[in-house]
Each structure stands twice: as C-alpha cells, then as structure tokens.
Amino acid sequence: MGLFRDLGNKVEEFKQASEAAADEEASHECRNCGERFFADTETCSECGSTDVVPLEE
C-alpha cells in the first residue's frame, strides 16, 4: 500500500504546482469567486458571474 500512497502524494504535489503555475499566467479573473482564466470570457465557468476583468500587469 505504501507505493500507491506515495504515488498519490506525488500526483497531488504535481496538481498543486500546475494550478499555481496556471494562476500566475492567467490574464483575467472573476471578481466574484477569484477563478482565473487565460482568455477574455463574458461569464465565469466556475460561478456563472459576469464580473470577469483583465488582470493588471
């Protein structure tokens, strides 16, 4: 069982690192829930809000 637990931990670490890197590269953000996007969109796919704005650089 130790092998599967170690593998699961590695997958979770990779997932968290990938999400952090994606957040750093995002160009737009939902003001309602904080979800970040790579492209301009009219509504947030996470919460449905229309308050999606470009991030300041």
N, C-alpha and C. Protein backbone atom coordinates (compact mmCIF):
# COMPACT_ATOMS: atom_id res chain seq x y z
N MET A 1 0.81 -1.19 0.00
CA MET A 1 0.00 0.00 0.00
C MET A 1 0.85 1.26 0.00
N GLY A 2 2.08 1.20 0.49
CA GLY A 2 2.94 2.37 0.54
C GLY A 2 3.23 2.94 -0.84
N LEU A 3 3.34 2.08 -1.84
CA LEU A 3 3.61 2.52 -3.21
C LEU A 3 2.48 3.39 -3.72
N PHE A 4 1.24 2.97 -3.52
CA PHE A 4 0.09 3.74 -4.00
C PHE A 4 -0.07 5.05 -3.23
N ARG A 5 0.23 5.05 -1.96
CA ARG A 5 0.16 6.27 -1.17
C ARG A 5 1.21 7.27 -1.65
N ASP A 6 2.44 6.79 -1.90
CA ASP A 6 3.50 7.66 -2.41
C ASP A 6 3.13 8.22 -3.78
N LEU A 7 2.58 7.37 -4.63
CA LEU A 7 2.17 7.82 -5.96
C LEU A 7 1.06 8.87 -5.85
N GLY A 8 0.11 8.65 -4.98
CA GLY A 8 -0.97 9.60 -4.76
C GLY A 8 -0.45 10.94 -4.27
N ASN A 9 0.54 10.91 -3.37
CA ASN A 9 1.14 12.15 -2.87
C ASN A 9 1.85 12.90 -3.99
N LYS A 10 2.57 12.18 -4.84
CA LYS A 10 3.27 12.81 -5.96
C LYS A 10 2.29 13.44 -6.94
N VAL A 11 1.19 12.76 -7.20
CA VAL A 11 0.17 13.29 -8.11
C VAL A 11 -0.43 14.57 -7.52
N GLU A 12 -0.71 14.58 -6.25
CA GLU A 12 -1.28 15.77 -5.60
C GLU A 12 -0.29 16.93 -5.63
N GLU A 13 0.99 16.66 -5.38
CA GLU A 13 2.01 17.71 -5.45
C GLU A 13 2.07 18.31 -6.85
N PHE A 14 2.04 17.45 -7.86
CA PHE A 14 2.08 17.91 -9.25
C PHE A 14 0.84 18.75 -9.57
N LYS A 15 -0.31 18.31 -9.12
CA LYS A 15 -1.56 19.04 -9.36
C LYS A 15 -1.49 20.43 -8.75
N GLN A 16 -1.02 20.55 -7.53
CA GLN A 16 -0.93 21.84 -6.86
C GLN A 16 0.07 22.75 -7.55
N ALA A 17 1.20 22.20 -7.97
CA ALA A 17 2.21 23.01 -8.68
C ALA A 17 1.67 23.48 -10.02
N SER A 18 0.93 22.64 -10.71
CA SER A 18 0.35 23.01 -12.00
C SER A 18 -0.68 24.11 -11.85
N GLU A 19 -1.52 24.02 -10.84
CA GLU A 19 -2.54 25.04 -10.60
C GLU A 19 -1.89 26.38 -10.24
N ALA A 20 -0.83 26.34 -9.45
CA ALA A 20 -0.14 27.58 -9.07
C ALA A 20 0.49 28.24 -10.28
N ALA A 21 1.11 27.44 -11.15
CA ALA A 21 1.72 27.98 -12.36
C ALA A 21 0.66 28.55 -13.29
N ALA A 22 -0.47 27.90 -13.40
CA ALA A 22 -1.55 28.38 -14.26
C ALA A 22 -2.10 29.71 -13.74
N ASP A 23 -2.25 29.85 -12.44
CA ASP A 23 -2.75 31.10 -11.85
C ASP A 23 -1.80 32.26 -12.14
N GLU A 24 -0.50 31.99 -12.15
CA GLU A 24 0.48 33.04 -12.41
C GLU A 24 0.41 33.54 -13.85
N GLU A 25 0.01 32.69 -14.78
CA GLU A 25 -0.03 33.04 -16.20
C GLU A 25 -1.38 33.55 -16.66
N ALA A 26 -2.39 33.52 -15.82
CA ALA A 26 -3.74 33.92 -16.21
C ALA A 26 -3.80 35.41 -16.55
N SER A 27 -4.70 35.75 -17.46
CA SER A 27 -4.83 37.16 -17.87
C SER A 27 -6.14 37.80 -17.41
N HIS A 28 -7.09 36.99 -16.94
CA HIS A 28 -8.39 37.51 -16.50
C HIS A 28 -8.79 36.81 -15.21
N GLU A 29 -9.63 37.51 -14.41
CA GLU A 29 -10.05 36.96 -13.13
C GLU A 29 -11.51 37.32 -12.86
N CYS A 30 -12.21 36.39 -12.24
CA CYS A 30 -13.59 36.64 -11.80
C CYS A 30 -13.53 37.36 -10.45
N ARG A 31 -14.15 38.53 -10.37
CA ARG A 31 -14.15 39.28 -9.11
C ARG A 31 -15.06 38.63 -8.06
N ASN A 32 -15.99 37.80 -8.50
CA ASN A 32 -16.92 37.17 -7.59
C ASN A 32 -16.28 36.00 -6.82
N CYS A 33 -15.61 35.09 -7.54
CA CYS A 33 -15.07 33.89 -6.87
C CYS A 33 -13.55 33.77 -6.93
N GLY A 34 -12.89 34.62 -7.74
CA GLY A 34 -11.44 34.58 -7.81
C GLY A 34 -10.87 33.62 -8.83
N GLU A 35 -11.71 32.90 -9.56
CA GLU A 35 -11.23 31.99 -10.60
C GLU A 35 -10.47 32.78 -11.65
N ARG A 36 -9.37 32.21 -12.16
CA ARG A 36 -8.56 32.90 -13.16
C ARG A 36 -8.65 32.20 -14.51
N PHE A 37 -8.52 33.01 -15.59
CA PHE A 37 -8.67 32.49 -16.96
C PHE A 37 -7.53 32.97 -17.84
N PHE A 38 -7.28 32.23 -18.92
CA PHE A 38 -6.24 32.58 -19.88
C PHE A 38 -6.78 33.43 -21.02
N ALA A 39 -8.07 33.55 -21.13
CA ALA A 39 -8.68 34.30 -22.22
C ALA A 39 -9.85 35.11 -21.69
N ASP A 40 -10.17 36.16 -22.42
CA ASP A 40 -11.30 37.00 -22.05
C ASP A 40 -12.58 36.18 -22.21
N THR A 41 -13.42 36.19 -21.21
CA THR A 41 -14.68 35.47 -21.25
C THR A 41 -15.75 36.35 -20.61
N GLU A 42 -16.97 36.22 -21.04
CA GLU A 42 -18.05 37.06 -20.51
C GLU A 42 -18.59 36.55 -19.19
N THR A 43 -18.57 35.23 -18.98
CA THR A 43 -19.07 34.67 -17.73
C THR A 43 -18.06 33.69 -17.15
N CYS A 44 -18.04 33.61 -15.85
CA CYS A 44 -17.15 32.70 -15.13
C CYS A 44 -17.69 31.27 -15.22
N SER A 45 -16.84 30.36 -15.64
CA SER A 45 -17.27 28.97 -15.74
C SER A 45 -17.41 28.30 -14.37
N GLU A 46 -16.84 28.91 -13.35
CA GLU A 46 -16.91 28.35 -12.01
C GLU A 46 -18.19 28.76 -11.27
N CYS A 47 -18.53 30.07 -11.30
CA CYS A 47 -19.68 30.54 -10.52
C CYS A 47 -20.78 31.17 -11.35
N GLY A 48 -20.52 31.43 -12.65
CA GLY A 48 -21.54 32.00 -13.52
C GLY A 48 -21.62 33.52 -13.49
N SER A 49 -20.78 34.16 -12.71
CA SER A 49 -20.79 35.62 -12.61
C SER A 49 -20.36 36.25 -13.94
N THR A 50 -20.84 37.45 -14.19
CA THR A 50 -20.42 38.20 -15.38
C THR A 50 -19.37 39.24 -15.03
N ASP A 51 -18.85 39.20 -13.82
CA ASP A 51 -17.85 40.17 -13.36
C ASP A 51 -16.43 39.63 -13.57
N VAL A 52 -16.07 39.39 -14.84
CA VAL A 52 -14.74 38.90 -15.20
C VAL A 52 -13.96 40.08 -15.77
N VAL A 53 -12.78 40.34 -15.21
CA VAL A 53 -11.99 41.51 -15.60
C VAL A 53 -10.56 41.10 -15.95
N PRO A 54 -9.89 41.92 -16.78
CA PRO A 54 -8.47 41.66 -17.06
C PRO A 54 -7.63 41.93 -15.80
N LEU A 55 -6.58 41.14 -15.63
CA LEU A 55 -5.67 41.36 -14.51
C LEU A 55 -4.71 42.47 -14.89
N GLU A 56 -4.35 43.28 -13.93
CA GLU A 56 -3.38 44.36 -14.14
C GLU A 56 -1.99 43.74 -14.18
N GLU A 57 -1.15 44.28 -15.03
CA GLU A 57 0.23 43.77 -15.11
C GLU A 57 1.17 44.67 -14.37
